[in-house]
N, C-alpha and C. Protein backbone atom coordinates (compact mmCIF):
# COMPACT_ATOMS: atom_id res chain seq x y z
N MET A 1 1.70 -12.31 94.30
CA MET A 1 2.45 -11.18 93.78
C MET A 1 2.16 -11.28 91.99
N THR A 2 1.60 -10.17 91.49
CA THR A 2 1.47 -10.11 90.25
C THR A 2 2.34 -9.43 89.57
N ARG A 3 2.47 -10.01 88.04
CA ARG A 3 3.56 -9.18 87.29
C ARG A 3 3.11 -8.58 86.11
N ASP A 4 3.49 -7.49 85.54
CA ASP A 4 3.12 -6.99 84.43
C ASP A 4 3.49 -7.86 83.24
N PRO A 5 2.43 -8.07 82.48
CA PRO A 5 2.61 -9.43 81.63
C PRO A 5 3.48 -8.50 80.34
N ASP A 6 3.65 -7.43 80.13
CA ASP A 6 4.61 -6.86 79.33
C ASP A 6 6.07 -7.01 79.92
N ALA A 7 6.34 -7.38 81.07
CA ALA A 7 7.65 -7.25 81.69
C ALA A 7 8.02 -8.75 82.22
N LEU A 8 7.47 -9.64 81.82
CA LEU A 8 7.62 -10.95 82.33
C LEU A 8 9.16 -11.60 81.94
N TYR A 9 9.71 -11.15 80.55
CA TYR A 9 10.64 -11.74 80.13
C TYR A 9 11.80 -10.43 80.01
N ASP A 10 11.98 -9.62 80.90
CA ASP A 10 12.52 -8.39 80.40
C ASP A 10 14.18 -8.55 80.24
N ASP A 11 14.87 -9.75 80.69
CA ASP A 11 16.38 -9.87 80.19
C ASP A 11 16.40 -11.26 79.45
N ALA A 12 15.37 -11.83 78.73
CA ALA A 12 15.33 -12.86 78.06
C ALA A 12 15.64 -12.34 76.65
N PRO A 13 16.92 -12.91 75.87
CA PRO A 13 17.56 -12.50 74.76
C PRO A 13 16.19 -12.69 73.62
N ILE A 14 16.06 -11.83 72.81
CA ILE A 14 15.13 -11.99 71.61
C ILE A 14 15.83 -12.21 70.18
N ALA A 15 17.10 -11.91 70.20
CA ALA A 15 17.83 -12.00 69.08
C ALA A 15 19.13 -12.18 69.26
N ARG A 16 19.94 -12.98 68.36
CA ARG A 16 21.28 -13.21 68.59
C ARG A 16 22.09 -13.31 67.36
N LEU A 17 23.27 -12.52 67.20
CA LEU A 17 24.12 -12.51 66.28
C LEU A 17 25.50 -13.17 66.59
N GLU A 18 25.83 -13.90 65.79
CA GLU A 18 27.29 -14.68 66.02
C GLU A 18 28.24 -14.10 64.81
N ILE A 19 29.54 -13.55 65.14
CA ILE A 19 30.35 -13.21 64.16
C ILE A 19 31.71 -13.99 64.41
N VAL A 20 32.03 -14.64 63.31
CA VAL A 20 33.39 -15.67 63.46
C VAL A 20 34.36 -15.13 62.27
N CYS A 21 35.52 -15.04 63.01
CA CYS A 21 36.54 -14.74 61.96
C CYS A 21 37.65 -16.02 62.31
N ARG A 22 37.69 -16.65 61.21
CA ARG A 22 38.80 -17.73 60.88
C ARG A 22 40.17 -17.56 60.80
N ARG A 23 41.00 -18.65 60.87
CA ARG A 23 42.27 -18.43 60.85
C ARG A 23 42.60 -17.85 59.68
N ASN A 24 41.91 -18.43 58.45
CA ASN A 24 42.57 -18.02 57.02
C ASN A 24 41.99 -16.69 56.63
N GLY A 25 41.11 -15.97 57.73
CA GLY A 25 40.65 -14.31 57.37
C GLY A 25 39.14 -14.65 57.08
N ALA A 26 38.77 -15.64 56.77
CA ALA A 26 37.05 -15.77 56.39
C ALA A 26 36.44 -15.20 57.45
N LEU A 27 35.35 -14.80 57.22
CA LEU A 27 34.52 -13.92 58.28
C LEU A 27 32.70 -14.32 57.87
N SER A 28 32.45 -15.06 58.76
CA SER A 28 30.83 -15.14 58.72
C SER A 28 30.03 -14.82 59.69
N VAL A 29 28.75 -14.46 59.61
CA VAL A 29 27.79 -14.08 60.56
C VAL A 29 26.65 -15.04 60.43
N GLY A 30 26.15 -15.20 61.42
CA GLY A 30 25.11 -16.15 61.92
C GLY A 30 24.03 -15.82 62.75
N GLY A 31 22.91 -16.38 62.86
CA GLY A 31 22.15 -15.93 63.83
C GLY A 31 20.79 -15.28 63.16
N ASP A 32 20.05 -14.31 63.87
CA ASP A 32 18.88 -14.06 63.31
C ASP A 32 19.30 -12.68 62.38
N ILE A 33 19.28 -13.16 61.05
CA ILE A 33 19.97 -12.05 60.35
C ILE A 33 18.90 -12.13 58.86
N ASN A 34 17.71 -12.52 59.22
CA ASN A 34 16.87 -12.38 57.94
C ASN A 34 16.21 -11.26 57.96
N ASN A 35 16.04 -10.36 58.95
CA ASN A 35 15.83 -9.13 58.97
C ASN A 35 16.85 -8.07 58.81
N LEU A 36 17.17 -7.52 57.72
CA LEU A 36 18.18 -6.96 57.30
C LEU A 36 18.50 -5.45 58.15
N ALA A 37 17.22 -5.01 58.45
CA ALA A 37 17.32 -3.61 59.15
C ALA A 37 17.52 -3.82 60.45
N TYR A 38 16.90 -4.90 61.16
CA TYR A 38 17.31 -5.19 62.41
C TYR A 38 18.53 -5.76 62.72
N ALA A 39 19.18 -6.52 61.77
CA ALA A 39 20.32 -7.16 62.25
C ALA A 39 21.53 -6.05 62.25
N LEU A 40 21.32 -5.06 60.89
CA LEU A 40 22.35 -3.86 60.93
C LEU A 40 22.15 -3.12 62.08
N ALA A 41 21.13 -2.66 62.66
CA ALA A 41 20.66 -1.95 63.82
C ALA A 41 21.50 -2.60 65.13
N MET A 42 21.40 -3.89 65.22
CA MET A 42 21.85 -4.90 66.28
C MET A 42 23.78 -4.59 66.12
N LEU A 43 24.12 -4.51 65.04
CA LEU A 43 25.45 -4.51 64.78
C LEU A 43 25.95 -2.94 65.16
N ASP A 44 25.16 -2.01 64.51
CA ASP A 44 25.58 -0.79 65.04
C ASP A 44 25.49 -0.59 66.48
N ASN A 45 24.46 -0.97 67.32
CA ASN A 45 24.42 -0.82 68.77
C ASN A 45 25.84 -1.58 69.14
N ALA A 46 26.11 -2.82 68.65
CA ALA A 46 27.16 -3.35 69.42
C ALA A 46 28.46 -2.92 68.97
N LYS A 47 28.75 -1.76 68.00
CA LYS A 47 29.88 -1.25 67.47
C LYS A 47 29.66 -0.12 68.76
N ASP A 48 29.05 0.63 68.93
CA ASP A 48 28.92 1.57 69.99
C ASP A 48 28.94 0.97 71.56
N ALA A 49 28.71 -0.12 71.62
CA ALA A 49 28.82 -0.47 73.11
C ALA A 49 30.38 -1.03 73.10
N LEU A 50 30.97 -1.45 72.27
CA LEU A 50 32.30 -1.78 71.94
C LEU A 50 33.16 -0.52 72.30
N ARG A 51 32.60 0.28 71.42
CA ARG A 51 33.46 1.84 71.53
C ARG A 51 33.49 2.45 73.18
N ASN A 52 32.39 2.14 73.61
CA ASN A 52 32.16 2.80 74.98
C ASN A 52 33.11 2.08 75.92
N HIS A 53 33.11 0.75 75.79
CA HIS A 53 33.72 -0.13 76.55
C HIS A 53 35.10 0.04 76.46
N HIS A 54 35.85 0.55 75.40
CA HIS A 54 37.16 0.84 75.13
C HIS A 54 37.79 2.27 75.32
N ALA A 55 36.65 3.41 75.64
CA ALA A 55 36.91 4.67 75.58
C ALA A 55 37.75 4.91 76.72
N ARG A 56 38.62 5.86 76.65
CA ARG A 56 39.39 6.07 78.08
C ARG A 56 38.90 7.58 78.37
N ARG A 57 38.02 7.35 79.20
CA ARG A 57 37.45 8.89 79.82
C ARG A 57 37.69 8.90 81.15
N PRO A 58 38.49 10.31 81.23
CA PRO A 58 39.31 10.46 82.56
C PRO A 58 37.82 10.83 83.81
N ILE A 59 37.96 10.51 84.93
CA ILE A 59 37.06 10.56 85.88
C ILE A 59 37.29 11.95 86.54
N ILE A 60 36.21 12.87 86.11
CA ILE A 60 36.74 14.23 86.70
C ILE A 60 35.49 14.44 88.13
N ILE A 61 36.16 14.90 89.07
CA ILE A 61 35.65 15.03 90.29
C ILE A 61 35.58 16.48 90.88
N PRO A 62 34.48 16.98 90.86
CA PRO A 62 34.43 18.59 91.11
C PRO A 62 35.09 18.96 92.31
N GLY A 63 35.90 20.08 92.02
CA GLY A 63 36.75 20.58 93.54
C GLY A 63 35.87 20.59 94.93
N LYS A 64 34.56 21.00 94.38
CA LYS A 64 33.90 21.11 95.78
C LYS A 64 33.40 19.88 96.57
N ASP A 65 33.80 18.87 95.81
CA ASP A 65 33.47 17.43 96.38
C ASP A 65 34.74 17.07 97.06
N THR A 66 35.82 17.45 97.22
CA THR A 66 37.11 17.09 97.82
C THR A 66 37.58 18.06 98.80
N SER A 67 38.63 17.74 99.46
CA SER A 67 38.93 18.62 100.54
C SER A 67 39.88 19.67 99.78
N ILE A 68 40.24 19.56 98.79
CA ILE A 68 41.04 20.55 98.04
C ILE A 68 40.16 21.92 97.79
N GLY A 69 38.90 21.42 97.45
CA GLY A 69 37.88 22.42 97.08
C GLY A 69 37.76 23.34 98.15
N ASP A 70 37.80 22.73 99.64
CA ASP A 70 37.58 23.67 100.50
C ASP A 70 38.83 24.59 100.62
N LEU A 71 40.02 24.08 100.46
CA LEU A 71 41.39 24.81 100.43
C LEU A 71 41.23 26.17 99.38
N LEU A 72 40.70 25.74 98.11
CA LEU A 72 40.61 26.68 97.10
C LEU A 72 39.61 28.05 97.30
N SER A 73 38.48 27.38 97.94
CA SER A 73 37.46 28.51 98.20
C SER A 73 37.80 29.40 99.29
N SER A 74 38.64 28.99 100.00
CA SER A 74 39.03 29.87 101.50
C SER A 74 40.26 31.05 101.32
């Protein structure tokens, strides 16, 4: 089996940030923070992921996909 050389490590971590909040309120950030633009982009994406995780989105099922849809259309 041959593998695409560009996809050998698809799920391998390439960068990591660690945010620590201490009991006294001190905050520290560690990890791959030498490239400011990249680190800020990672933080922005992490904020979006957290917001999406906590979003309370209702599940909407179209009436045509339920037995109620049959009753409404007749």
